[in-house]
Amino acid sequence: MTQQTSWWWIRHAPAINPSGTIYGQNDVPADTDDPPTYAALARLLPAGAVLVTSNLQRTQQTATAIGAAGLAMPAPLIEPDLAEQNFGDWQGKHRAEIFDSMDPGHPFWLASATTNPPGGESFADVVGRVSAVINRLNADLTGRDIIAVAHGGTIRAAIGHALGLTPERALAFEVDNCSATRITHHGPSRHHPEGTWAVTHLNQRAAGF
């Protein structure tokens, strides 16, 4: 039997962004004043898991809120490469400014997966760095549960990595704030030397826990 490494991806709480602008890798805080949601997450998530967050405060605040709701968790492993997409010069601007100046190229995101915002990165770049973190932690933490509190773009990238999708197709997934997505890596076997992935649930919301 192969070893299973289960990833429990949680998107951070809603960002506090009064200006309503694109924030991407801007380090805006999160609004975690929603006790029922964090209590539901604390019941859903496994005890004894490794905790991983990005370097942005909204993911760490969300993890802290889940812990305060009753789930004992260790200090997080902070992985900067699990941060949201860097939108470069678009950060701090309103979406309408971007859409008025270019063809956004994708109905579910600011731009197509291969578009590089000035001074930023493409979603395809995000997929590359997120995949590298997943592969490394799968090797380092084989057989463990991993709670990864991250971002909408990060979680889309993780799903795309697991399912072998193109970055453009991965952008089609909805990822709500405080939703849970669980994917499990089954380790190498004779027929699958690189292992295989199974999807348990995507974008599960607190009402369904």
Protein backbone atom coordinates (compact mmCIF):
# COMPACT_ATOMS: atom_id res chain seq x y z
CA MET A 1 0.00 0.00 0.00
CA THR A 2 1.33 3.44 -0.90
CA GLN A 3 1.66 6.24 1.63
CA GLN A 4 -0.86 9.05 1.42
CA THR A 5 -0.08 12.72 1.97
CA SER A 6 -3.29 14.70 2.40
CA TRP A 7 -3.38 18.41 1.61
CA TRP A 8 -6.14 20.44 3.24
CA TRP A 9 -6.12 23.77 1.40
CA ILE A 10 -7.91 26.70 3.04
CA ARG A 11 -8.31 30.06 1.35
CA HIS A 12 -7.70 32.97 3.70
CA ALA A 13 -10.48 35.06 5.26
CA PRO A 14 -11.81 38.05 3.30
CA ALA A 15 -9.20 40.73 2.86
CA ILE A 16 -9.71 44.15 4.40
CA ASN A 17 -9.28 46.34 1.35
CA PRO A 18 -11.44 49.46 1.68
CA SER A 19 -10.26 50.90 -1.62
CA GLY A 20 -11.46 47.83 -3.52
CA THR A 21 -8.29 47.70 -5.58
CA ILE A 22 -6.29 44.73 -6.85
CA TYR A 23 -4.07 43.62 -3.97
CA GLY A 24 -2.29 40.45 -5.12
CA GLN A 25 0.90 40.32 -3.06
CA ASN A 26 0.16 43.54 -1.18
CA ASP A 27 0.12 42.52 2.47
CA VAL A 28 -3.43 43.51 3.37
CA PRO A 29 -4.98 42.13 6.59
CA ALA A 30 -7.95 39.77 6.84
CA ASP A 31 -11.33 40.10 8.54
CA THR A 32 -11.57 37.01 10.76
CA ASP A 33 -14.66 38.07 12.75
CA ASP A 34 -16.80 35.06 11.87
CA PRO A 35 -16.75 32.56 14.79
CA PRO A 36 -19.11 29.95 13.23
CA THR A 37 -16.92 29.60 10.14
CA TYR A 38 -13.73 29.03 12.14
CA ALA A 39 -15.49 26.61 14.49
CA ALA A 40 -16.62 24.63 11.43
CA LEU A 41 -13.09 24.61 10.01
CA ALA A 42 -11.68 23.51 13.35
CA ARG A 43 -14.06 20.55 13.34
CA LEU A 44 -13.26 19.64 9.74
CA LEU A 45 -9.47 19.81 9.77
CA PRO A 46 -7.31 16.99 11.18
CA ALA A 47 -5.51 17.22 14.50
CA GLY A 48 -1.76 16.70 14.41
CA ALA A 49 -1.33 18.14 10.94
CA VAL A 50 1.59 20.19 9.69
CA LEU A 51 0.55 23.82 9.19
CA VAL A 52 1.80 25.77 6.17
CA THR A 53 0.99 29.37 5.27
CA SER A 54 2.24 31.94 2.82
CA ASN A 55 4.30 34.89 4.00
CA LEU A 56 1.31 37.25 3.76
CA GLN A 57 -0.44 38.16 6.99
CA ARG A 58 -3.96 37.30 5.84
CA THR A 59 -3.10 33.59 5.69
CA GLN A 60 -1.44 33.61 9.10
CA GLN A 61 -4.37 35.51 10.64
CA THR A 62 -6.76 32.93 9.21
CA ALA A 63 -4.70 30.06 10.63
CA THR A 64 -4.66 31.78 14.02
CA ALA A 65 -8.46 32.13 13.93
CA ILE A 66 -8.86 28.42 13.20
CA GLY A 67 -6.56 27.59 16.10
CA ALA A 68 -8.46 29.90 18.43
CA ALA A 69 -11.68 28.07 17.44
CA GLY A 70 -10.34 24.84 18.92
CA LEU A 71 -7.90 23.13 16.57
CA ALA A 72 -4.46 22.66 18.11
CA MET A 73 -1.86 23.44 15.47
CA PRO A 74 1.90 23.93 15.51
CA ALA A 75 3.65 27.11 14.43
CA PRO A 76 3.36 27.41 10.66
CA LEU A 77 5.96 26.64 8.09
CA ILE A 78 6.01 29.89 6.13
CA GLU A 79 6.39 29.36 2.40
CA PRO A 80 6.71 32.60 0.39
CA ASP A 81 6.21 30.63 -2.84
CA LEU A 82 2.62 29.91 -1.76
CA ALA A 83 1.79 33.63 -1.97
CA GLU A 84 -0.86 35.03 -4.29
CA GLN A 85 0.04 36.03 -7.84
CA ASN A 86 2.20 39.15 -8.05
CA PHE A 87 0.21 41.53 -10.23
CA GLY A 88 3.05 44.06 -10.33
CA ASP A 89 1.97 47.52 -11.48
CA TRP A 90 -1.68 46.46 -11.42
CA GLN A 91 -1.64 46.21 -7.63
CA GLY A 92 -3.33 49.22 -6.11
CA LYS A 93 -5.42 49.87 -9.23
CA HIS A 94 -9.11 49.16 -9.74
CA ARG A 95 -10.05 46.31 -12.04
CA ALA A 96 -11.89 48.69 -14.35
CA GLU A 97 -8.62 50.51 -15.04
CA ILE A 98 -7.03 47.25 -16.19
CA PHE A 99 -10.02 46.07 -18.21
CA ASP A 100 -10.30 49.44 -19.95
CA SER A 101 -6.68 49.31 -21.05
CA MET A 102 -6.43 45.72 -22.31
CA ASP A 103 -8.28 42.58 -23.25
CA PRO A 104 -8.28 40.66 -19.96
CA GLY A 105 -8.17 37.39 -21.89
CA HIS A 106 -9.97 35.25 -19.29
CA PRO A 107 -13.50 35.34 -17.87
CA PHE A 108 -12.47 34.20 -14.37
CA TRP A 109 -9.25 36.09 -13.68
CA LEU A 110 -7.63 39.42 -14.41
CA ALA A 111 -5.86 38.11 -17.50
CA SER A 112 -4.98 34.93 -19.35
CA ALA A 113 -2.69 32.47 -17.63
CA THR A 114 0.32 33.50 -19.69
CA THR A 115 -0.09 37.28 -19.37
CA ASN A 116 2.66 38.99 -17.36
CA PRO A 117 1.41 42.19 -15.69
CA PRO A 118 4.10 44.91 -15.86
CA GLY A 119 6.55 44.24 -13.04
CA GLY A 120 4.69 41.09 -12.01
CA GLU A 121 4.27 37.43 -12.93
CA SER A 122 1.86 35.32 -14.93
CA PHE A 123 -0.47 32.75 -13.43
CA ALA A 124 1.63 30.13 -15.24
CA ASP A 125 4.56 31.35 -13.13
CA VAL A 126 2.44 30.85 -10.01
CA VAL A 127 1.71 27.27 -11.04
CA GLY A 128 5.44 26.63 -11.41
CA ARG A 129 6.42 27.91 -7.97
CA VAL A 130 3.44 26.34 -6.17
CA SER A 131 4.11 22.97 -7.84
CA ALA A 132 7.73 23.10 -6.65
CA VAL A 133 6.61 23.64 -3.04
CA ILE A 134 4.08 20.80 -3.26
CA ASN A 135 6.65 18.39 -4.67
CA ARG A 136 9.20 19.32 -1.99
CA LEU A 137 6.78 19.01 0.92
CA ASN A 138 5.36 15.76 -0.45
CA ALA A 139 8.89 14.37 -0.25
CA ASP A 140 9.68 15.89 3.15
CA LEU A 141 6.33 15.16 4.82
CA THR A 142 5.28 11.89 3.21
CA GLY A 143 2.33 10.29 4.96
CA ARG A 144 1.31 13.42 6.90
CA ASP A 145 -1.72 15.68 6.85
CA ILE A 146 -0.81 19.19 5.66
CA ILE A 147 -3.08 22.16 6.33
CA ALA A 148 -2.11 24.85 3.83
CA VAL A 149 -3.70 28.25 4.37
CA ALA A 150 -3.13 30.15 1.17
CA HIS A 151 -4.78 32.21 -1.59
CA GLY A 152 -7.26 31.75 -4.40
CA GLY A 153 -4.58 31.73 -7.09
CA THR A 154 -2.38 29.39 -5.06
CA ILE A 155 -5.16 26.88 -4.57
CA ARG A 156 -6.14 26.98 -8.25
CA ALA A 157 -2.50 26.26 -9.05
CA ALA A 158 -2.46 23.32 -6.61
CA ILE A 159 -5.60 21.82 -8.15
CA GLY A 160 -4.17 22.25 -11.63
CA HIS A 161 -0.94 20.59 -10.54
CA ALA A 162 -2.79 17.62 -9.04
CA LEU A 163 -5.05 17.11 -12.06
CA GLY A 164 -2.40 17.79 -14.70
CA LEU A 165 -4.30 20.75 -16.14
CA THR A 166 -2.94 23.58 -18.19
CA PRO A 167 -2.68 26.85 -16.23
CA GLU A 168 -5.49 28.28 -18.35
CA ARG A 169 -7.84 25.45 -17.38
CA ALA A 170 -6.87 25.71 -13.72
CA LEU A 171 -8.20 29.27 -13.65
CA ALA A 172 -11.74 27.93 -14.06
CA PHE A 173 -12.00 26.71 -10.45
CA GLU A 174 -13.91 28.78 -7.91
CA VAL A 175 -12.15 29.19 -4.58
CA ASP A 176 -14.14 31.07 -1.94
CA ASN A 177 -12.74 32.69 1.18
CA CYS A 178 -12.50 30.20 4.06
CA SER A 179 -13.42 27.30 1.76
CA ALA A 180 -11.70 23.93 2.07
CA THR A 181 -10.20 21.92 -0.78
CA ARG A 182 -8.75 18.47 -0.06
CA ILE A 183 -6.44 16.62 -2.43
CA THR A 184 -4.36 13.57 -1.54
CA HIS A 185 -1.10 12.39 -3.03
CA HIS A 186 -0.63 8.61 -3.16
CA GLY A 187 3.07 7.82 -3.19
CA PRO A 188 5.02 6.00 -5.89
CA SER A 189 3.95 2.53 -6.92
CA ARG A 190 5.08 0.04 -9.54
CA HIS A 191 2.60 1.35 -12.09
CA HIS A 192 2.82 5.01 -11.04
CA PRO A 193 6.44 5.80 -10.16
CA GLU A 194 5.68 9.50 -9.59
CA GLY A 195 2.58 8.80 -7.51
CA THR A 196 -1.02 9.78 -8.22
CA TRP A 197 -3.47 12.34 -6.91
CA ALA A 198 -7.05 11.92 -5.69
CA VAL A 199 -9.54 14.76 -5.17
CA THR A 200 -11.84 14.50 -2.14
CA HIS A 201 -13.59 17.87 -2.30
CA LEU A 202 -13.17 21.29 -3.88
CA ASN A 203 -14.30 24.67 -2.56
CA GLN A 204 -16.28 23.18 0.31
CA ARG A 205 -17.88 25.99 2.32
CA ALA A 206 -18.48 26.16 6.04
CA ALA A 207 -22.22 25.45 5.68
CA GLY A 208 -21.34 22.06 4.21
CA PHE A 209 -18.81 20.95 6.82
